[in-house]
């Protein structure tokens, strides 16, 4: 059964900040963009490297290895050398706690 997982208090991740969280054995990059929270897999679809060390500019992140860019709100690829989108996870805030939808349990 799919479910929401609480990962961090919302006030610990200020606008412009990001952090890594693990959800169902998947590393996610959780970002706060102007007070809204988004989560994508911390994995460049070009070569499998971590995105977490990349430069964030607004709602975009640039892979630190080869410069591919991705939309942090949707996981959509924005520039080569990547051509595949990154999975994005639904995020909500309930009682000041950030929750991410655990998609990994859908098939259970």
PDB file of N, CA and C in Angstrom:
ATOM      1  N   UNK A   1       0.841  -1.189   0.000  1.00  0.00           N
ATOM      2  CA  UNK A   1       0.000   0.000   0.000  1.00  0.00           C
ATOM      3  C   UNK A   1       0.881   1.246   0.000  1.00  0.00           C
ATOM      4  N   UNK A   2       0.576   2.180  -0.866  1.00  0.00           N
ATOM      5  CA  UNK A   2       1.309   3.438  -0.946  1.00  0.00           C
ATOM      6  C   UNK A   2       1.014   4.273   0.293  1.00  0.00           C
ATOM      7  N   UNK A   3       2.011   5.071   0.711  1.00  0.00           N
ATOM      8  CA  UNK A   3       1.813   5.878   1.907  1.00  0.00           C
ATOM      9  C   UNK A   3       2.740   7.082   1.905  1.00  0.00           C
ATOM     10  N   UNK A   4       2.386   8.060   2.730  1.00  0.00           N
ATOM     11  CA  UNK A   4       3.200   9.258   2.929  1.00  0.00           C
ATOM     12  C   UNK A   4       4.176   9.003   4.068  1.00  0.00           C
ATOM     13  N   UNK A   5       5.441   9.391   3.863  1.00  0.00           N
ATOM     14  CA  UNK A   5       6.484   9.190   4.861  1.00  0.00           C
ATOM     15  C   UNK A   5       6.995  10.554   5.318  1.00  0.00           C
ATOM     16  N   UNK A   6       6.995  10.784   6.627  1.00  0.00           N
ATOM     17  CA  UNK A   6       7.513  12.023   7.191  1.00  0.00           C
ATOM     18  C   UNK A   6       9.036  11.974   7.179  1.00  0.00           C
ATOM     19  N   UNK A   7       9.671  13.039   6.649  1.00  0.00           N
ATOM     20  CA  UNK A   7      11.122  13.014   6.503  1.00  0.00           C
ATOM     21  C   UNK A   7      11.861  14.099   7.272  1.00  0.00           C
ATOM     22  N   UNK A   8      11.254  15.285   7.479  1.00  0.00           N
ATOM     23  CA  UNK A   8      11.968  16.387   8.118  1.00  0.00           C
ATOM     24  C   UNK A   8      10.970  17.478   8.511  1.00  0.00           C
ATOM     25  N   UNK A   9      11.228  18.192   9.610  1.00  0.00           N
ATOM     26  CA  UNK A   9      10.390  19.351   9.911  1.00  0.00           C
ATOM     27  C   UNK A   9      10.569  20.422   8.824  1.00  0.00           C
ATOM     28  N   UNK A  10       9.486  20.998   8.371  1.00  0.00           N
ATOM     29  CA  UNK A  10       9.538  21.976   7.282  1.00  0.00           C
ATOM     30  C   UNK A  10      10.399  23.180   7.623  1.00  0.00           C
ATOM     31  N   UNK A  11      10.389  23.604   8.880  1.00  0.00           N
ATOM     32  CA  UNK A  11      11.166  24.798   9.227  1.00  0.00           C
ATOM     33  C   UNK A  11      12.672  24.544   9.302  1.00  0.00           C
ATOM     34  N   UNK A  12      13.110  23.305   9.151  1.00  0.00           N
ATOM     35  CA  UNK A  12      14.545  22.998   9.116  1.00  0.00           C
ATOM     36  C   UNK A  12      15.131  23.144   7.714  1.00  0.00           C
ATOM     37  N   UNK A  13      14.276  23.261   6.711  1.00  0.00           N
ATOM     38  CA  UNK A  13      14.742  23.393   5.333  1.00  0.00           C
ATOM     39  C   UNK A  13      14.197  24.710   4.779  1.00  0.00           C
ATOM     40  N   UNK A  14      14.971  25.752   4.969  1.00  0.00           N
ATOM     41  CA  UNK A  14      14.575  27.101   4.569  1.00  0.00           C
ATOM     42  C   UNK A  14      14.573  27.232   3.039  1.00  0.00           C
ATOM     43  N   UNK A  15      13.848  28.232   2.510  1.00  0.00           N
ATOM     44  CA  UNK A  15      13.860  28.473   1.060  1.00  0.00           C
ATOM     45  C   UNK A  15      15.292  28.597   0.528  1.00  0.00           C
ATOM     46  N   UNK A  16      15.530  27.910  -0.584  1.00  0.00           N
ATOM     47  CA  UNK A  16      16.859  27.913  -1.195  1.00  0.00           C
ATOM     48  C   UNK A  16      17.755  26.790  -0.713  1.00  0.00           C
ATOM     49  N   UNK A  17      17.322  26.068   0.315  1.00  0.00           N
ATOM     50  CA  UNK A  17      18.132  24.969   0.853  1.00  0.00           C
ATOM     51  C   UNK A  17      17.693  23.638   0.252  1.00  0.00           C
ATOM     52  N   UNK A  18      18.588  22.643   0.370  1.00  0.00           N
ATOM     53  CA  UNK A  18      18.270  21.282  -0.053  1.00  0.00           C
ATOM     54  C   UNK A  18      18.927  20.296   0.903  1.00  0.00           C
ATOM     55  N   UNK A  19      18.448  19.074   0.880  1.00  0.00           N
ATOM     56  CA  UNK A  19      19.007  18.016   1.709  1.00  0.00           C
ATOM     57  C   UNK A  19      18.769  16.682   1.017  1.00  0.00           C
ATOM     58  N   UNK A  20      19.491  15.677   1.466  1.00  0.00           N
ATOM     59  CA  UNK A  20      19.285  14.321   0.963  1.00  0.00           C
ATOM     60  C   UNK A  20      18.461  13.539   1.964  1.00  0.00           C
ATOM     61  N   UNK A  21      17.530  12.750   1.464  1.00  0.00           N
ATOM     62  CA  UNK A  21      16.749  11.849   2.298  1.00  0.00           C
ATOM     63  C   UNK A  21      16.691  10.501   1.596  1.00  0.00           C
ATOM     64  N   UNK A  22      16.519   9.461   2.379  1.00  0.00           N
ATOM     65  CA  UNK A  22      16.371   8.125   1.801  1.00  0.00           C
ATOM     66  C   UNK A  22      14.936   7.681   1.990  1.00  0.00           C
ATOM     67  N   UNK A  23      14.358   7.169   0.921  1.00  0.00           N
ATOM     68  CA  UNK A  23      12.984   6.709   0.957  1.00  0.00           C
ATOM     69  C   UNK A  23      12.911   5.389   0.210  1.00  0.00           C
ATOM     70  N   UNK A  24      12.590   4.321   0.931  1.00  0.00           N
ATOM     71  CA  UNK A  24      12.459   3.003   0.310  1.00  0.00           C
ATOM     72  C   UNK A  24      13.728   2.626  -0.456  1.00  0.00           C
ATOM     73  N   UNK A  25      14.880   2.881   0.163  1.00  0.00           N
ATOM     74  CA  UNK A  25      16.199   2.561  -0.387  1.00  0.00           C
ATOM     75  C   UNK A  25      16.560   3.369  -1.636  1.00  0.00           C
ATOM     76  N   UNK A  26      15.920   4.520  -1.803  1.00  0.00           N
ATOM     77  CA  UNK A  26      16.222   5.420  -2.914  1.00  0.00           C
ATOM     78  C   UNK A  26      16.657   6.761  -2.315  1.00  0.00           C
ATOM     79  N   UNK A  27      17.824   7.278  -2.772  1.00  0.00           N
ATOM     80  CA  UNK A  27      18.285   8.588  -2.323  1.00  0.00           C
ATOM     81  C   UNK A  27      17.540   9.662  -3.101  1.00  0.00           C
ATOM     82  N   UNK A  28      16.940  10.596  -2.352  1.00  0.00           N
ATOM     83  CA  UNK A  28      16.191  11.687  -2.956  1.00  0.00           C
ATOM     84  C   UNK A  28      16.834  13.016  -2.593  1.00  0.00           C
ATOM     85  N   UNK A  29      16.743  13.954  -3.505  1.00  0.00           N
ATOM     86  CA  UNK A  29      17.157  15.319  -3.266  1.00  0.00           C
ATOM     87  C   UNK A  29      15.886  16.105  -2.977  1.00  0.00           C
ATOM     88  N   UNK A  30      15.772  16.606  -1.741  1.00  0.00           N
ATOM     89  CA  UNK A  30      14.619  17.375  -1.305  1.00  0.00           C
ATOM     90  C   UNK A  30      15.018  18.844  -1.297  1.00  0.00           C
ATOM     91  N   UNK A  31      14.263  19.677  -2.007  1.00  0.00           N
ATOM     92  CA  UNK A  31      14.595  21.095  -2.114  1.00  0.00           C
ATOM     93  C   UNK A  31      13.410  21.949  -1.679  1.00  0.00           C
ATOM     94  N   UNK A  32      13.735  23.122  -1.150  1.00  0.00           N
ATOM     95  CA  UNK A  32      12.734  24.120  -0.817  1.00  0.00           C
ATOM     96  C   UNK A  32      12.940  25.268  -1.799  1.00  0.00           C
ATOM     97  N   UNK A  33      11.978  25.450  -2.696  1.00  0.00           N
ATOM     98  CA  UNK A  33      12.042  26.517  -3.685  1.00  0.00           C
ATOM     99  C   UNK A  33      10.953  27.524  -3.342  1.00  0.00           C
ATOM    100  N   UNK A  34      11.378  28.658  -2.787  1.00  0.00           N
ATOM    101  CA  UNK A  34      10.450  29.744  -2.433  1.00  0.00           C
ATOM    102  C   UNK A  34       9.306  29.267  -1.543  1.00  0.00           C
ATOM    103  N   UNK A  35       9.598  28.353  -0.627  1.00  0.00           N
ATOM    104  CA  UNK A  35       8.596  27.867   0.315  1.00  0.00           C
ATOM    105  C   UNK A  35       7.842  26.631  -0.122  1.00  0.00           C
ATOM    106  N   UNK A  36       8.064  26.176  -1.351  1.00  0.00           N
ATOM    107  CA  UNK A  36       7.441  24.948  -1.834  1.00  0.00           C
ATOM    108  C   UNK A  36       8.501  23.846  -1.871  1.00  0.00           C
ATOM    109  N   UNK A  37       8.102  22.645  -1.492  1.00  0.00           N
ATOM    110  CA  UNK A  37       9.032  21.521  -1.400  1.00  0.00           C
ATOM    111  C   UNK A  37       8.860  20.569  -2.592  1.00  0.00           C
ATOM    112  N   UNK A  38      10.012  20.076  -3.084  1.00  0.00           N
ATOM    113  CA  UNK A  38      10.025  19.144  -4.211  1.00  0.00           C
ATOM    114  C   UNK A  38      11.072  18.072  -3.942  1.00  0.00           C
ATOM    115  N   UNK A  39      10.831  16.881  -4.478  1.00  0.00           N
ATOM    116  CA  UNK A  39      11.780  15.779  -4.319  1.00  0.00           C
ATOM    117  C   UNK A  39      11.962  15.062  -5.648  1.00  0.00           C
ATOM    118  N   UNK A  40      13.240  14.866  -6.020  1.00  0.00           N
ATOM    119  CA  UNK A  40      13.580  14.076  -7.196  1.00  0.00           C
ATOM    120  C   UNK A  40      14.654  13.080  -6.785  1.00  0.00           C
ATOM    121  N   UNK A  41      14.806  12.025  -7.580  1.00  0.00           N
ATOM    122  CA  UNK A  41      15.893  11.089  -7.297  1.00  0.00           C
ATOM    123  C   UNK A  41      17.220  11.816  -7.444  1.00  0.00           C
ATOM    124  N   UNK A  42      18.143  11.509  -6.564  1.00  0.00           N
ATOM    125  CA  UNK A  42      19.468  12.123  -6.568  1.00  0.00           C
ATOM    126  C   UNK A  42      20.377  11.360  -7.527  1.00  0.00           C
ATOM    127  N   UNK A  43      19.978  11.326  -8.793  1.00  0.00           N
ATOM    128  CA  UNK A  43      20.662  10.480  -9.757  1.00  0.00           C
ATOM    129  C   UNK A  43      20.547  11.083 -11.151  1.00  0.00           C
ATOM    130  N   UNK A  44      21.669  11.457 -11.715  1.00  0.00           N
ATOM    131  CA  UNK A  44      21.666  11.992 -13.077  1.00  0.00           C
ATOM    132  C   UNK A  44      21.335  10.858 -14.044  1.00  0.00           C
ATOM    133  N   UNK A  45      20.382  11.093 -14.926  1.00  0.00           N
ATOM    134  CA  UNK A  45      19.985  10.052 -15.871  1.00  0.00           C
ATOM    135  C   UNK A  45      21.012   9.869 -16.991  1.00  0.00           C
ATOM    136  N   UNK A  46      21.992  10.743 -17.064  1.00  0.00           N
ATOM    137  CA  UNK A  46      23.040  10.614 -18.078  1.00  0.00           C
ATOM    138  C   UNK A  46      24.051   9.536 -17.709  1.00  0.00           C
ATOM    139  N   UNK A  47      24.579   9.605 -16.472  1.00  0.00           N
ATOM    140  CA  UNK A  47      25.628   8.645 -16.114  1.00  0.00           C
ATOM    141  C   UNK A  47      25.483   8.052 -14.717  1.00  0.00           C
ATOM    142  N   UNK A  48      24.375   8.326 -14.038  1.00  0.00           N
ATOM    143  CA  UNK A  48      24.144   7.736 -12.730  1.00  0.00           C
ATOM    144  C   UNK A  48      24.839   8.424 -11.575  1.00  0.00           C
ATOM    145  N   UNK A  49      25.469   9.569 -11.828  1.00  0.00           N
ATOM    146  CA  UNK A  49      26.141  10.302 -10.753  1.00  0.00           C
ATOM    147  C   UNK A  49      25.154  11.051  -9.880  1.00  0.00           C
ATOM    148  N   UNK A  50      25.614  11.423  -8.682  1.00  0.00           N
ATOM    149  CA  UNK A  50      24.788  12.196  -7.754  1.00  0.00           C
ATOM    150  C   UNK A  50      24.580  13.611  -8.272  1.00  0.00           C
ATOM    151  N   UNK A  51      23.375  14.126  -8.090  1.00  0.00           N
ATOM    152  CA  UNK A  51      23.074  15.506  -8.436  1.00  0.00           C
ATOM    153  C   UNK A  51      23.297  16.461  -7.271  1.00  0.00           C
ATOM    154  N   UNK A  52      23.361  15.930  -6.064  1.00  0.00           N
ATOM    155  CA  UNK A  52      23.362  16.761  -4.858  1.00  0.00           C
ATOM    156  C   UNK A  52      24.488  17.788  -4.805  1.00  0.00           C
ATOM    157  N   UNK A  53      25.579  17.576  -5.490  1.00  0.00           N
ATOM    158  CA  UNK A  53      26.664  18.551  -5.495  1.00  0.00           C
ATOM    159  C   UNK A  53      26.537  19.582  -6.589  1.00  0.00           C
ATOM    160  N   UNK A  54      25.445  19.515  -7.340  1.00  0.00           N
ATOM    161  CA  UNK A  54      25.260  20.422  -8.468  1.00  0.00           C
ATOM    162  C   UNK A  54      24.767  21.789  -8.050  1.00  0.00           C
ATOM    163  N   UNK A  55      24.947  22.751  -8.946  1.00  0.00           N
ATOM    164  CA  UNK A  55      24.503  24.121  -8.707  1.00  0.00           C
ATOM    165  C   UNK A  55      22.999  24.212  -8.923  1.00  0.00           C
ATOM    166  N   UNK A  56      22.319  24.839  -7.953  1.00  0.00           N
ATOM    167  CA  UNK A  56      20.885  25.061  -8.049  1.00  0.00           C
ATOM    168  C   UNK A  56      20.658  26.526  -8.382  1.00  0.00           C
ATOM    169  N   UNK A  57      19.848  26.762  -9.414  1.00  0.00           N
ATOM    170  CA  UNK A  57      19.505  28.111  -9.835  1.00  0.00           C
ATOM    171  C   UNK A  57      17.994  28.143 -10.026  1.00  0.00           C
ATOM    172  N   UNK A  58      17.292  28.742  -9.080  1.00  0.00           N
ATOM    173  CA  UNK A  58      15.828  28.745  -9.124  1.00  0.00           C
ATOM    174  C   UNK A  58      15.305  27.335  -8.984  1.00  0.00           C
ATOM    175  N   UNK A  59      14.609  26.864 -10.010  1.00  0.00           N
ATOM    176  CA  UNK A  59      14.037  25.515  -9.975  1.00  0.00           C
ATOM    177  C   UNK A  59      14.816  24.540 -10.841  1.00  0.00           C
ATOM    178  N   UNK A  60      16.081  24.878 -11.138  1.00  0.00           N
ATOM    179  CA  UNK A  60      16.913  23.999 -11.965  1.00  0.00           C
ATOM    180  C   UNK A  60      18.163  23.572 -11.211  1.00  0.00           C
ATOM    181  N   UNK A  61      18.617  22.364 -11.501  1.00  0.00           N
ATOM    182  CA  UNK A  61      19.885  21.882 -10.966  1.00  0.00           C
ATOM    183  C   UNK A  61      20.749  21.433 -12.136  1.00  0.00           C
ATOM    184  N   UNK A  62      22.048  21.738 -12.031  1.00  0.00           N
ATOM    185  CA  UNK A  62      23.009  21.325 -13.042  1.00  0.00           C
ATOM    186  C   UNK A  62      23.850  20.197 -12.471  1.00  0.00           C
ATOM    187  N   UNK A  63      23.937  19.099 -13.190  1.00  0.00           N
ATOM    188  CA  UNK A  63      24.750  17.968 -12.750  1.00  0.00           C
ATOM    189  C   UNK A  63      26.203  18.418 -12.643  1.00  0.00           C
ATOM    190  N   UNK A  64      26.842  18.121 -11.519  1.00  0.00           N
ATOM    191  CA  UNK A  64      28.223  18.571 -11.339  1.00  0.00           C
ATOM    192  C   UNK A  64      29.236  17.822 -12.205  1.00  0.00           C
ATOM    193  N   UNK A  65      28.844  16.715 -12.797  1.00  0.00           N
ATOM    194  CA  UNK A  65      29.802  15.920 -13.580  1.00  0.00           C
ATOM    195  C   UNK A  65      29.894  16.354 -15.037  1.00  0.00           C
ATOM    196  N   UNK A  66      28.760  16.450 -15.719  1.00  0.00           N
ATOM    197  CA  UNK A  66      28.807  16.733 -17.151  1.00  0.00           C
ATOM    198  C   UNK A  66      27.893  17.865 -17.589  1.00  0.00           C
ATOM    199  N   UNK A  67      27.232  18.538 -16.643  1.00  0.00           N
ATOM    200  CA  UNK A  67      26.479  19.736 -16.964  1.00  0.00           C
ATOM    201  C   UNK A  67      25.050  19.570 -17.439  1.00  0.00           C
ATOM    202  N   UNK A  68      24.503  18.362 -17.398  1.00  0.00           N
ATOM    203  CA  UNK A  68      23.092  18.207 -17.746  1.00  0.00           C
ATOM    204  C   UNK A  68      22.258  18.996 -16.738  1.00  0.00           C
ATOM    205  N   UNK A  69      21.152  19.559 -17.205  1.00  0.00           N
ATOM    206  CA  UNK A  69      20.276  20.333 -16.321  1.00  0.00           C
ATOM    207  C   UNK A  69      18.914  19.659 -16.211  1.00  0.00           C
ATOM    208  N   UNK A  70      18.309  19.783 -15.007  1.00  0.00           N
ATOM    209  CA  UNK A  70      17.017  19.170 -14.729  1.00  0.00           C
ATOM    210  C   UNK A  70      16.121  20.155 -13.989  1.00  0.00           C
ATOM    211  N   UNK A  71      14.820  20.021 -14.204  1.00  0.00           N
ATOM    212  CA  UNK A  71      13.823  20.799 -13.482  1.00  0.00           C
ATOM    213  C   UNK A  71      13.580  20.124 -12.135  1.00  0.00           C
ATOM    214  N   UNK A  72      13.819  20.846 -11.067  1.00  0.00           N
ATOM    215  CA  UNK A  72      13.653  20.273  -9.727  1.00  0.00           C
ATOM    216  C   UNK A  72      12.189  20.043  -9.354  1.00  0.00           C
ATOM    217  N   UNK A  73      11.277  20.707 -10.029  1.00  0.00           N
ATOM    218  CA  UNK A  73       9.867  20.554  -9.683  1.00  0.00           C
ATOM    219  C   UNK A  73       9.216  19.350 -10.351  1.00  0.00           C
ATOM    220  N   UNK A  74       9.783  18.910 -11.480  1.00  0.00           N
ATOM    221  CA  UNK A  74       9.171  17.807 -12.226  1.00  0.00           C
ATOM    222  C   UNK A  74      10.128  16.662 -12.541  1.00  0.00           C
ATOM    223  N   UNK A  75      11.434  16.922 -12.439  1.00  0.00           N
ATOM    224  CA  UNK A  75      12.431  15.932 -12.831  1.00  0.00           C
ATOM    225  C   UNK A  75      12.720  15.933 -14.312  1.00  0.00           C
ATOM    226  N   UNK A  76      12.097  16.832 -15.066  1.00  0.00           N
ATOM    227  CA  UNK A  76      12.279  16.877 -16.518  1.00  0.00           C
ATOM    228  C   UNK A  76      13.703  17.282 -16.876  1.00  0.00           C
ATOM    229  N   UNK A  77      14.267  16.603 -17.865  1.00  0.00           N
ATOM    230  CA  UNK A  77      15.591  16.964 -18.367  1.00  0.00           C
ATOM    231  C   UNK A  77      15.454  18.245 -19.182  1.00  0.00           C
ATOM    232  N   UNK A  78      16.404  19.165 -18.978  1.00  0.00           N
ATOM    233  CA  UNK A  78      16.368  20.452 -19.670  1.00  0.00           C
ATOM    234  C   UNK A  78      17.493  20.619 -20.674  1.00  0.00           C
ATOM    235  N   UNK A  79      18.564  19.833 -20.524  1.00  0.00           N
ATOM    236  CA  UNK A  79      19.656  19.951 -21.487  1.00  0.00           C
ATOM    237  C   UNK A  79      20.505  18.688 -21.504  1.00  0.00           C
ATOM    238  N   UNK A  80      21.135  18.472 -22.650  1.00  0.00           N
ATOM    239  CA  UNK A  80      22.066  17.352 -22.829  1.00  0.00           C
ATOM    240  C   UNK A  80      23.288  17.578 -21.940  1.00  0.00           C
ATOM    241  N   UNK A  81      24.014  16.522 -21.608  1.00  0.00           N
ATOM    242  CA  UNK A  81      24.015  15.232 -22.272  1.00  0.00           C
ATOM    243  C   UNK A  81      22.947  14.251 -21.781  1.00  0.00           C
ATOM    244  N   UNK A  82      22.128  14.633 -20.824  1.00  0.00           N
ATOM    245  CA  UNK A  82      21.043  13.744 -20.384  1.00  0.00           C
ATOM    246  C   UNK A  82      19.870  13.865 -21.355  1.00  0.00           C
ATOM    247  N   UNK A  83      19.142  12.776 -21.537  1.00  0.00           N
ATOM    248  CA  UNK A  83      17.971  12.779 -22.412  1.00  0.00           C
ATOM    249  C   UNK A  83      16.751  12.162 -21.736  1.00  0.00           C
ATOM    250  N   UNK A  84      16.939  11.600 -20.532  1.00  0.00           N
ATOM    251  CA  UNK A  84      15.823  10.984 -19.809  1.00  0.00           C
ATOM    252  C   UNK A  84      15.515  11.779 -18.551  1.00  0.00           C
ATOM    253  N   UNK A  85      14.223  11.900 -18.258  1.00  0.00           N
ATOM    254  CA  UNK A  85      13.787  12.584 -17.051  1.00  0.00           C
ATOM    255  C   UNK A  85      14.177  11.791 -15.811  1.00  0.00           C
ATOM    256  N   UNK A  86      14.161  12.467 -14.677  1.00  0.00           N
ATOM    257  CA  UNK A  86      14.439  11.850 -13.375  1.00  0.00           C
ATOM    258  C   UNK A  86      13.102  11.707 -12.651  1.00  0.00           C
ATOM    259  N   UNK A  87      12.870  10.594 -11.974  1.00  0.00           N
ATOM    260  CA  UNK A  87      11.616  10.458 -11.228  1.00  0.00           C
ATOM    261  C   UNK A  87      11.462  11.555 -10.166  1.00  0.00           C
ATOM    262  N   UNK A  88      10.270  12.147 -10.150  1.00  0.00           N
ATOM    263  CA  UNK A  88       9.906  13.136  -9.132  1.00  0.00           C
ATOM    264  C   UNK A  88       8.886  12.504  -8.194  1.00  0.00           C
ATOM    265  N   UNK A  89       8.940  12.896  -6.941  1.00  0.00           N
ATOM    266  CA  UNK A  89       8.063  12.327  -5.926  1.00  0.00           C
ATOM    267  C   UNK A  89       7.138  13.406  -5.374  1.00  0.00           C
ATOM    268  N   UNK A  90       5.862  13.095  -5.177  1.00  0.00           N
ATOM    269  CA  UNK A  90       4.948  14.067  -4.566  1.00  0.00           C
ATOM    270  C   UNK A  90       5.393  14.401  -3.140  1.00  0.00           C
ATOM    271  N   UNK A  91       5.270  15.681  -2.791  1.00  0.00           N
ATOM    272  CA  UNK A  91       5.660  16.170  -1.466  1.00  0.00           C
ATOM    273  C   UNK A  91       4.523  17.024  -0.920  1.00  0.00           C
ATOM    274  N   UNK A  92       4.310  16.921   0.377  1.00  0.00           N
ATOM    275  CA  UNK A  92       3.331  17.784   1.046  1.00  0.00           C
ATOM    276  C   UNK A  92       3.860  18.136   2.424  1.00  0.00           C
ATOM    277  N   UNK A  93       3.250  19.151   3.037  1.00  0.00           N
ATOM    278  CA  UNK A  93       3.584  19.543   4.405  1.00  0.00           C
ATOM    279  C   UNK A  93       2.322  19.409   5.241  1.00  0.00           C
ATOM    280  N   UNK A  94       2.435  18.635   6.327  1.00  0.00           N
ATOM    281  CA  UNK A  94       1.330  18.426   7.247  1.00  0.00           C
ATOM    282  C   UNK A  94       1.843  18.715   8.657  1.00  0.00           C
ATOM    283  N   UNK A  95       1.197  19.659   9.339  1.00  0.00           N
ATOM    284  CA  UNK A  95       1.601  20.030  10.702  1.00  0.00           C
ATOM    285  C   UNK A  95       3.092  20.324  10.782  1.00  0.00           C
ATOM    286  N   UNK A  96       3.599  21.113   9.835  1.00  0.00           N
ATOM    287  CA  UNK A  96       5.005  21.529   9.755  1.00  0.00           C
ATOM    288  C   UNK A  96       5.976  20.377   9.490  1.00  0.00           C
ATOM    289  N   UNK A  97       5.491  19.237   9.075  1.00  0.00           N
ATOM    290  CA  UNK A  97       6.367  18.119   8.736  1.00  0.00           C
ATOM    291  C   UNK A  97       6.288  17.859   7.233  1.00  0.00           C
ATOM    292  N   UNK A  98       7.472  17.772   6.590  1.00  0.00           N
ATOM    293  CA  UNK A  98       7.531  17.459   5.167  1.00  0.00           C
ATOM    294  C   UNK A  98       7.333  15.961   4.996  1.00  0.00           C
ATOM    295  N   UNK A  99       6.418  15.597   4.107  1.00  0.00           N
ATOM    296  CA  UNK A  99       6.144  14.198   3.813  1.00  0.00           C
ATOM    297  C   UNK A  99       6.337  13.948   2.323  1.00  0.00           C
ATOM    298  N   UNK A 100       6.896  12.802   2.007  1.00  0.00           N
ATOM    299  CA  UNK A 100       7.095  12.393   0.626  1.00  0.00           C
ATOM    300  C   UNK A 100       6.310  11.113   0.384  1.00  0.00           C
ATOM    301  N   UNK A 101       5.666  11.055  -0.751  1.00  0.00           N
ATOM    302  CA  UNK A 101       4.867   9.881  -1.085  1.00  0.00           C
ATOM    303  C   UNK A 101       5.777   8.721  -1.445  1.00  0.00           C
ATOM    304  N   UNK A 102       5.644   7.631  -0.734  1.00  0.00           N
ATOM    305  CA  UNK A 102       6.474   6.448  -0.943  1.00  0.00           C
ATOM    306  C   UNK A 102       5.906   5.636  -2.089  1.00  0.00           C
ATOM    307  N   UNK A 103       6.383   5.935  -3.293  1.00  0.00           N
ATOM    308  CA  UNK A 103       5.906   5.270  -4.501  1.00  0.00           C
ATOM    309  C   UNK A 103       6.367   3.815  -4.573  1.00  0.00           C
ATOM    310  N   UNK A 104       7.415   3.482  -3.847  1.00  0.00           N
ATOM    311  CA  UNK A 104       7.965   2.137  -3.886  1.00  0.00           C
ATOM    312  C   UNK A 104       7.054   1.077  -3.321  1.00  0.00           C
ATOM    313  N   UNK A 105       6.030   1.487  -2.593  1.00  0.00           N
ATOM    314  CA  UNK A 105       5.134   0.519  -1.988  1.00  0.00           C
ATOM    315  C   UNK A 105       3.859   0.313  -2.803  1.00  0.00           C
ATOM    316  N   UNK A 106       3.743   0.974  -3.944  1.00  0.00           N
ATOM    317  CA  UNK A 106       2.518   0.890  -4.736  1.00  0.00           C
ATOM    318  C   UNK A 106       2.219  -0.545  -5.169  1.00  0.00           C
ATOM    319  N   UNK A 107       3.243  -1.299  -5.540  1.00  0.00           N
ATOM    320  CA  UNK A 107       3.032  -2.662  -6.051  1.00  0.00           C
ATOM    321  C   UNK A 107       2.839  -3.684  -4.944  1.00  0.00           C
ATOM    322  N   UNK A 108       3.031  -3.301  -3.718  1.00  0.00           N
ATOM    323  CA  UNK A 108       2.903  -4.278  -2.618  1.00  0.00           C
ATOM    324  C   UNK A 108       1.470  -4.580  -2.303  1.00  0.00           C
TER     325      UNK A 108
END
